[in-house]
PDB file of N, CA and C in Angstrom:
ATOM      1  N   MET A   1     -32.780  32.439 -55.338  1.00  0.00           N
ATOM      2  CA  MET A   1     -32.681  31.769 -54.215  1.00  0.00           C
ATOM      3  C   MET A   1     -32.918  32.682 -52.918  1.00  0.00           C
ATOM      4  N   LYS A   2     -33.970  32.760 -52.426  1.00  0.00           N
ATOM      5  CA  LYS A   2     -34.237  33.790 -51.268  1.00  0.00           C
ATOM      6  C   LYS A   2     -33.679  33.256 -49.982  1.00  0.00           C
ATOM      7  N   ARG A   3     -33.912  31.957 -49.830  1.00  0.00           N
ATOM      8  CA  ARG A   3     -33.725  31.427 -48.356  1.00  0.00           C
ATOM      9  C   ARG A   3     -32.668  29.965 -48.592  1.00  0.00           C
ATOM     10  N   PRO A   4     -31.410  30.204 -48.619  1.00  0.00           N
ATOM     11  CA  PRO A   4     -30.582  29.190 -48.907  1.00  0.00           C
ATOM     12  C   PRO A   4     -30.427  28.271 -47.554  1.00  0.00           C
ATOM     13  N   ILE A   5     -30.470  28.984 -46.479  1.00  0.00           N
ATOM     14  CA  ILE A   5     -30.518  28.137 -45.158  1.00  0.00           C
ATOM     15  C   ILE A   5     -31.381  27.238 -45.051  1.00  0.00           C
ATOM     16  N   LEU A   6     -32.761  27.560 -45.616  1.00  0.00           N
ATOM     17  CA  LEU A   6     -33.894  26.509 -45.537  1.00  0.00           C
ATOM     18  C   LEU A   6     -33.424  25.228 -46.450  1.00  0.00           C
ATOM     19  N   ILE A   7     -32.983  25.674 -47.677  1.00  0.00           N
ATOM     20  CA  ILE A   7     -32.549  24.528 -48.549  1.00  0.00           C
ATOM     21  C   ILE A   7     -31.525  23.575 -47.850  1.00  0.00           C
ATOM     22  N   ILE A   8     -30.625  24.241 -47.319  1.00  0.00           N
ATOM     23  CA  ILE A   8     -29.487  23.399 -46.672  1.00  0.00           C
ATOM     24  C   ILE A   8     -30.079  22.623 -45.437  1.00  0.00           C
ATOM     25  N   THR A   9     -30.807  23.185 -44.682  1.00  0.00           N
ATOM     26  CA  THR A   9     -31.477  22.580 -43.791  1.00  0.00           C
ATOM     27  C   THR A   9     -32.435  21.300 -43.917  1.00  0.00           C
ATOM     28  N   ILE A  10     -33.035  21.527 -45.141  1.00  0.00           N
ATOM     29  CA  ILE A  10     -33.934  20.294 -45.703  1.00  0.00           C
ATOM     30  C   ILE A  10     -33.213  19.231 -46.147  1.00  0.00           C
ATOM     31  N   GLY A  11     -32.014  19.634 -46.933  1.00  0.00           N
ATOM     32  CA  GLY A  11     -31.088  18.623 -47.180  1.00  0.00           C
ATOM     33  C   GLY A  11     -30.355  17.936 -46.226  1.00  0.00           C
ATOM     34  N   TYR A  12     -29.950  18.683 -45.223  1.00  0.00           N
ATOM     35  CA  TYR A  12     -29.346  18.070 -44.067  1.00  0.00           C
ATOM     36  C   TYR A  12     -30.244  17.124 -43.131  1.00  0.00           C
ATOM     37  N   ILE A  13     -31.483  17.594 -42.981  1.00  0.00           N
ATOM     38  CA  ILE A  13     -32.395  16.630 -42.420  1.00  0.00           C
ATOM     39  C   ILE A  13     -32.768  15.426 -43.223  1.00  0.00           C
ATOM     40  N   LEU A  14     -32.903  15.556 -44.401  1.00  0.00           N
ATOM     41  CA  LEU A  14     -32.966  14.373 -45.397  1.00  0.00           C
ATOM     42  C   LEU A  14     -31.835  13.481 -45.292  1.00  0.00           C
ATOM     43  N   GLY A  15     -30.556  14.104 -45.214  1.00  0.00           N
ATOM     44  CA  GLY A  15     -29.356  13.333 -45.171  1.00  0.00           C
ATOM     45  C   GLY A  15     -29.358  12.473 -43.734  1.00  0.00           C
ATOM     46  N   ILE A  16     -29.677  13.032 -42.717  1.00  0.00           N
ATOM     47  CA  ILE A  16     -29.696  12.519 -41.357  1.00  0.00           C
ATOM     48  C   ILE A  16     -30.659  11.191 -41.484  1.00  0.00           C
ATOM     49  N   ILE A  17     -31.874  11.411 -41.962  1.00  0.00           N
ATOM     50  CA  ILE A  17     -32.994  10.394 -41.998  1.00  0.00           C
ATOM     51  C   ILE A  17     -32.507   9.308 -43.014  1.00  0.00           C
ATOM     52  N   TRP A  18     -31.673   9.693 -43.942  1.00  0.00           N
ATOM     53  CA  TRP A  18     -31.541   8.691 -44.909  1.00  0.00           C
ATOM     54  C   TRP A  18     -30.233   7.834 -44.383  1.00  0.00           C
ATOM     55  N   GLY A  19     -29.355   8.576 -43.579  1.00  0.00           N
ATOM     56  CA  GLY A  19     -28.195   7.863 -43.150  1.00  0.00           C
ATOM     57  C   GLY A  19     -28.631   6.872 -42.023  1.00  0.00           C
ATOM     58  N   LEU A  20     -29.703   7.315 -41.291  1.00  0.00           N
ATOM     59  CA  LEU A  20     -30.141   6.280 -40.162  1.00  0.00           C
ATOM     60  C   LEU A  20     -30.863   5.005 -40.878  1.00  0.00           C
ATOM     61  N   TYR A  21     -31.767   5.262 -41.714  1.00  0.00           N
ATOM     62  CA  TYR A  21     -32.645   4.163 -42.277  1.00  0.00           C
ATOM     63  C   TYR A  21     -32.252   3.511 -43.497  1.00  0.00           C
ATOM     64  N   PHE A  22     -31.478   4.060 -44.488  1.00  0.00           N
ATOM     65  CA  PHE A  22     -31.225   3.600 -45.667  1.00  0.00           C
ATOM     66  C   PHE A  22     -29.825   3.376 -46.048  1.00  0.00           C
ATOM     67  N   ASN A  23     -29.300   2.771 -47.240  1.00  0.00           N
ATOM     68  CA  ASN A  23     -27.858   2.760 -47.542  1.00  0.00           C
ATOM     69  C   ASN A  23     -27.627   3.623 -48.772  1.00  0.00           C
ATOM     70  N   ILE A  24     -26.392   3.655 -49.002  1.00  0.00           N
ATOM     71  CA  ILE A  24     -25.965   4.594 -50.241  1.00  0.00           C
ATOM     72  C   ILE A  24     -26.612   3.983 -51.608  1.00  0.00           C
ATOM     73  N   VAL A  25     -26.842   2.865 -51.822  1.00  0.00           N
ATOM     74  CA  VAL A  25     -27.252   2.353 -53.275  1.00  0.00           C
ATOM     75  C   VAL A  25     -28.723   3.088 -53.398  1.00  0.00           C
ATOM     76  N   SER A  26     -29.482   3.113 -52.379  1.00  0.00           N
ATOM     77  CA  SER A  26     -30.857   3.637 -52.271  1.00  0.00           C
ATOM     78  C   SER A  26     -30.648   5.121 -52.562  1.00  0.00           C
ATOM     79  N   PHE A  27     -29.703   5.761 -52.109  1.00  0.00           N
ATOM     80  CA  PHE A  27     -29.388   7.188 -52.419  1.00  0.00           C
ATOM     81  C   PHE A  27     -29.094   7.452 -53.722  1.00  0.00           C
ATOM     82  N   CYS A  28     -28.325   6.531 -54.511  1.00  0.00           N
ATOM     83  CA  CYS A  28     -28.100   6.704 -55.860  1.00  0.00           C
ATOM     84  C   CYS A  28     -29.305   6.315 -56.605  1.00  0.00           C
ATOM     85  N   VAL A  29     -30.076   5.591 -56.165  1.00  0.00           N
ATOM     86  CA  VAL A  29     -31.163   5.320 -57.038  1.00  0.00           C
ATOM     87  C   VAL A  29     -32.322   6.435 -56.880  1.00  0.00           C
ATOM     88  N   LEU A  30     -32.299   7.232 -55.842  1.00  0.00           N
ATOM     89  CA  LEU A  30     -33.076   8.429 -55.702  1.00  0.00           C
ATOM     90  C   LEU A  30     -32.656   9.513 -56.470  1.00  0.00           C
ATOM     91  N   LEU A  31     -31.282   9.789 -56.461  1.00  0.00           N
ATOM     92  CA  LEU A  31     -30.633  10.638 -57.413  1.00  0.00           C
ATOM     93  C   LEU A  31     -31.101  10.535 -58.745  1.00  0.00           C
ATOM     94  N   LEU A  32     -30.896   9.238 -59.227  1.00  0.00           N
ATOM     95  CA  LEU A  32     -31.312   8.889 -60.503  1.00  0.00           C
ATOM     96  C   LEU A  32     -32.714   9.265 -60.872  1.00  0.00           C
ATOM     97  N   CYS A  33     -33.591   8.738 -60.064  1.00  0.00           N
ATOM     98  CA  CYS A  33     -34.920   9.084 -60.097  1.00  0.00           C
ATOM     99  C   CYS A  33     -35.097  10.640 -60.255  1.00  0.00           C
ATOM    100  N   MET A  34     -34.768  11.406 -59.459  1.00  0.00           N
ATOM    101  CA  MET A  34     -34.713  12.784 -59.270  1.00  0.00           C
ATOM    102  C   MET A  34     -34.368  13.399 -60.861  1.00  0.00           C
ATOM    103  N   MET A  35     -33.349  12.886 -61.229  1.00  0.00           N
ATOM    104  CA  MET A  35     -32.714  13.522 -62.583  1.00  0.00           C
ATOM    105  C   MET A  35     -33.864  13.137 -63.791  1.00  0.00           C
ATOM    106  N   THR A  36     -34.355  11.857 -63.687  1.00  0.00           N
ATOM    107  CA  THR A  36     -35.281  11.320 -64.687  1.00  0.00           C
ATOM    108  C   THR A  36     -36.506  11.995 -64.576  1.00  0.00           C
ATOM    109  N   ILE A  37     -37.139  12.388 -63.517  1.00  0.00           N
ATOM    110  CA  ILE A  37     -38.339  12.964 -63.156  1.00  0.00           C
ATOM    111  C   ILE A  37     -38.131  14.616 -63.840  1.00  0.00           C
ATOM    112  N   ASN A  38     -37.000  15.090 -63.561  1.00  0.00           N
ATOM    113  CA  ASN A  38     -36.814  16.453 -63.951  1.00  0.00           C
ATOM    114  C   ASN A  38     -36.717  16.615 -65.567  1.00  0.00           C
ATOM    115  N   CYS A  39     -36.530  15.418 -66.181  1.00  0.00           N
ATOM    116  CA  CYS A  39     -36.670  15.537 -67.704  1.00  0.00           C
ATOM    117  C   CYS A  39     -37.956  14.970 -68.097  1.00  0.00           C
ATOM    118  N   ILE A  40     -38.705  14.486 -67.369  1.00  0.00           N
ATOM    119  CA  ILE A  40     -40.095  13.868 -67.668  1.00  0.00           C
ATOM    120  C   ILE A  40     -41.307  14.919 -67.482  1.00  0.00           C
ATOM    121  N   ILE A  41     -41.120  15.880 -66.288  1.00  0.00           N
ATOM    122  CA  ILE A  41     -42.219  16.476 -65.864  1.00  0.00           C
ATOM    123  C   ILE A  41     -42.691  17.526 -66.972  1.00  0.00           C
ATOM    124  N   PRO A  42     -43.914  17.627 -67.276  1.00  0.00           N
ATOM    125  CA  PRO A  42     -44.547  18.634 -68.010  1.00  0.00           C
ATOM    126  C   PRO A  42     -44.374  19.899 -67.694  1.00  0.00           C
ATOM    127  N   LYS A  43     -44.185  20.854 -68.581  1.00  0.00           N
ATOM    128  CA  LYS A  43     -43.834  22.278 -68.229  1.00  0.00           C
ATOM    129  C   LYS A  43     -44.985  22.927 -67.158  1.00  0.00           C
ATOM    130  N   ASN A  44     -46.180  22.492 -67.397  1.00  0.00           N
ATOM    131  CA  ASN A  44     -47.363  23.161 -66.539  1.00  0.00           C
ATOM    132  C   ASN A  44     -47.054  22.807 -65.090  1.00  0.00           C
ATOM    133  N   LEU A  45     -46.415  21.620 -64.965  1.00  0.00           N
ATOM    134  CA  LEU A  45     -46.267  21.078 -63.280  1.00  0.00           C
ATOM    135  C   LEU A  45     -44.980  21.912 -62.871  1.00  0.00           C
ATOM    136  N   LYS A  46     -43.939  22.004 -63.805  1.00  0.00           N
ATOM    137  CA  LYS A  46     -42.612  22.616 -63.424  1.00  0.00           C
ATOM    138  C   LYS A  46     -42.646  23.865 -62.800  1.00  0.00           C
ATOM    139  N   ARG A  47     -43.750  24.533 -63.083  1.00  0.00           N
ATOM    140  CA  ARG A  47     -43.972  25.992 -62.579  1.00  0.00           C
ATOM    141  C   ARG A  47     -44.283  25.921 -60.971  1.00  0.00           C
ATOM    142  N   TYR A  48     -44.937  24.827 -60.464  1.00  0.00           N
ATOM    143  CA  TYR A  48     -45.116  24.507 -59.197  1.00  0.00           C
ATOM    144  C   TYR A  48     -43.979  24.181 -58.384  1.00  0.00           C
ATOM    145  N   ILE A  49     -43.015  23.477 -58.827  1.00  0.00           N
ATOM    146  CA  ILE A  49     -42.024  22.841 -58.375  1.00  0.00           C
ATOM    147  C   ILE A  49     -40.635  23.510 -58.745  1.00  0.00           C
ATOM    148  N   LYS A  50     -40.734  24.616 -59.418  1.00  0.00           N
ATOM    149  CA  LYS A  50     -39.337  25.182 -60.010  1.00  0.00           C
ATOM    150  C   LYS A  50     -38.424  25.588 -59.016  1.00  0.00           C
ATOM    151  N   VAL A  51     -38.794  25.690 -57.751  1.00  0.00           N
ATOM    152  CA  VAL A  51     -37.721  26.111 -56.887  1.00  0.00           C
ATOM    153  C   VAL A  51     -36.785  25.066 -56.568  1.00  0.00           C
ATOM    154  N   PHE A  52     -37.255  23.831 -56.546  1.00  0.00           N
ATOM    155  CA  PHE A  52     -36.323  22.669 -56.232  1.00  0.00           C
ATOM    156  C   PHE A  52     -35.625  22.106 -57.440  1.00  0.00           C
ATOM    157  N   LEU A  53     -36.119  22.684 -58.795  1.00  0.00           N
ATOM    158  CA  LEU A  53     -35.623  22.081 -59.912  1.00  0.00           C
ATOM    159  C   LEU A  53     -34.215  23.054 -60.517  1.00  0.00           C
ATOM    160  N   LYS A  54     -34.055  24.080 -59.666  1.00  0.00           N
ATOM    161  CA  LYS A  54     -32.933  24.910 -60.150  1.00  0.00           C
ATOM    162  C   LYS A  54     -31.598  24.418 -59.581  1.00  0.00           C
ATOM    163  N   PRO A  55     -30.616  24.417 -60.564  1.00  0.00           N
ATOM    164  CA  PRO A  55     -29.452  23.651 -60.360  1.00  0.00           C
ATOM    165  C   PRO A  55     -28.703  24.185 -59.007  1.00  0.00           C
ATOM    166  N   LYS A  56     -28.721  25.381 -58.769  1.00  0.00           N
ATOM    167  CA  LYS A  56     -28.210  25.833 -57.547  1.00  0.00           C
ATOM    168  C   LYS A  56     -28.791  25.218 -56.181  1.00  0.00           C
ATOM    169  N   VAL A  57     -29.959  25.126 -56.335  1.00  0.00           N
ATOM    170  CA  VAL A  57     -30.653  24.662 -55.109  1.00  0.00           C
ATOM    171  C   VAL A  57     -30.496  23.010 -55.127  1.00  0.00           C
ATOM    172  N   MET A  58     -30.557  22.344 -56.190  1.00  0.00           N
ATOM    173  CA  MET A  58     -30.258  20.838 -56.117  1.00  0.00           C
ATOM    174  C   MET A  58     -28.969  20.647 -55.737  1.00  0.00           C
ATOM    175  N   CYS A  59     -27.814  21.389 -56.116  1.00  0.00           N
ATOM    176  CA  CYS A  59     -26.566  21.120 -55.542  1.00  0.00           C
ATOM    177  C   CYS A  59     -26.370  21.400 -54.213  1.00  0.00           C
ATOM    178  N   LEU A  60     -27.000  22.487 -53.681  1.00  0.00           N
ATOM    179  CA  LEU A  60     -26.992  22.760 -52.059  1.00  0.00           C
ATOM    180  C   LEU A  60     -27.591  21.499 -51.366  1.00  0.00           C
ATOM    181  N   THR A  61     -28.723  21.142 -51.761  1.00  0.00           N
ATOM    182  CA  THR A  61     -29.488  20.185 -51.068  1.00  0.00           C
ATOM    183  C   THR A  61     -28.595  18.842 -51.077  1.00  0.00           C
ATOM    184  N   ILE A  62     -28.075  18.515 -52.419  1.00  0.00           N
ATOM    185  CA  ILE A  62     -27.205  17.309 -52.475  1.00  0.00           C
ATOM    186  C   ILE A  62     -26.032  17.300 -51.692  1.00  0.00           C
ATOM    187  N   ILE A  63     -25.396  18.560 -51.462  1.00  0.00           N
ATOM    188  CA  ILE A  63     -24.112  18.576 -50.749  1.00  0.00           C
ATOM    189  C   ILE A  63     -24.556  18.530 -49.234  1.00  0.00           C
ATOM    190  N   SER A  64     -25.496  19.159 -48.846  1.00  0.00           N
ATOM    191  CA  SER A  64     -25.859  19.036 -47.416  1.00  0.00           C
ATOM    192  C   SER A  64     -26.413  17.707 -46.912  1.00  0.00           C
ATOM    193  N   PHE A  65     -27.078  17.032 -48.027  1.00  0.00           N
ATOM    194  CA  PHE A  65     -27.512  15.691 -47.793  1.00  0.00           C
ATOM    195  C   PHE A  65     -26.372  14.798 -47.679  1.00  0.00           C
ATOM    196  N   ILE A  66     -25.209  14.899 -48.539  1.00  0.00           N
ATOM    197  CA  ILE A  66     -23.986  14.042 -48.347  1.00  0.00           C
ATOM    198  C   ILE A  66     -23.256  14.259 -47.022  1.00  0.00           C
ATOM    199  N   ILE A  67     -23.186  15.433 -46.721  1.00  0.00           N
ATOM    200  CA  ILE A  67     -22.461  15.808 -45.431  1.00  0.00           C
ATOM    201  C   ILE A  67     -23.200  15.289 -44.350  1.00  0.00           C
ATOM    202  N   ALA A  68     -24.532  15.299 -44.268  1.00  0.00           N
ATOM    203  CA  ALA A  68     -25.305  14.660 -43.243  1.00  0.00           C
ATOM    204  C   ALA A  68     -25.203  13.208 -43.025  1.00  0.00           C
ATOM    205  N   TYR A  69     -25.170  12.572 -44.297  1.00  0.00           N
ATOM    206  CA  TYR A  69     -25.150  11.219 -44.486  1.00  0.00           C
ATOM    207  C   TYR A  69     -23.741  10.626 -44.000  1.00  0.00           C
ATOM    208  N   ILE A  70     -22.769  11.376 -44.392  1.00  0.00           N
ATOM    209  CA  ILE A  70     -21.349  10.922 -43.937  1.00  0.00           C
ATOM    210  C   ILE A  70     -21.217  11.137 -42.489  1.00  0.00           C
ATOM    211  N   CYS A  71     -21.861  12.321 -41.815  1.00  0.00           N
ATOM    212  CA  CYS A  71     -21.652  12.413 -40.362  1.00  0.00           C
ATOM    213  C   CYS A  71     -22.508  11.344 -39.680  1.00  0.00           C
ATOM    214  N   VAL A  72     -23.729  10.929 -40.203  1.00  0.00           N
ATOM    215  CA  VAL A  72     -24.481   9.758 -39.571  1.00  0.00           C
ATOM    216  C   VAL A  72     -23.659   8.358 -39.610  1.00  0.00           C
ATOM    217  N   GLY A  73     -23.073   8.268 -40.625  1.00  0.00           N
ATOM    218  CA  GLY A  73     -22.220   7.024 -40.915  1.00  0.00           C
ATOM    219  C   GLY A  73     -20.980   7.016 -40.053  1.00  0.00           C
ATOM    220  N   TYR A  74     -20.279   8.246 -39.904  1.00  0.00           N
ATOM    221  CA  TYR A  74     -19.269   8.116 -39.046  1.00  0.00           C
ATOM    222  C   TYR A  74     -19.651   7.987 -37.537  1.00  0.00           C
ATOM    223  N   ILE A  75     -20.711   8.576 -37.096  1.00  0.00           N
ATOM    224  CA  ILE A  75     -21.221   8.382 -35.744  1.00  0.00           C
ATOM    225  C   ILE A  75     -21.570   6.904 -35.538  1.00  0.00           C
ATOM    226  N   ASN A  76     -22.247   6.381 -36.400  1.00  0.00           N
ATOM    227  CA  ASN A  76     -22.841   4.834 -36.274  1.00  0.00           C
ATOM    228  C   ASN A  76     -21.651   3.963 -36.169  1.00  0.00           C
ATOM    229  N   ASN A  77     -20.470   4.357 -36.828  1.00  0.00           N
ATOM    230  CA  ASN A  77     -19.482   3.263 -36.797  1.00  0.00           C
ATOM    231  C   ASN A  77     -18.423   3.550 -35.586  1.00  0.00           C
ATOM    232  N   GLN A  78     -18.624   4.367 -34.802  1.00  0.00           N
ATOM    233  CA  GLN A  78     -17.836   4.518 -33.704  1.00  0.00           C
ATOM    234  C   GLN A  78     -18.295   3.751 -32.707  1.00  0.00           C
TER     235      GLN A  78
END
């Protein structure tokens, strides 16, 4: 993982967008789809998207996504 700040920024931006326009149920569906796709993708395609399939990268993205989603929800409820 060469650029963790880029991964965190991508997750944070996605969390802000998701928090503004979608709800938590759709986030759970998206997460389930990501896990399913990770199991189904053929090996020849995995080499092109292998950066985003690493467990550390997925965890960083999901954690920053959740933080941004909570922040947007908190700001909207005030």
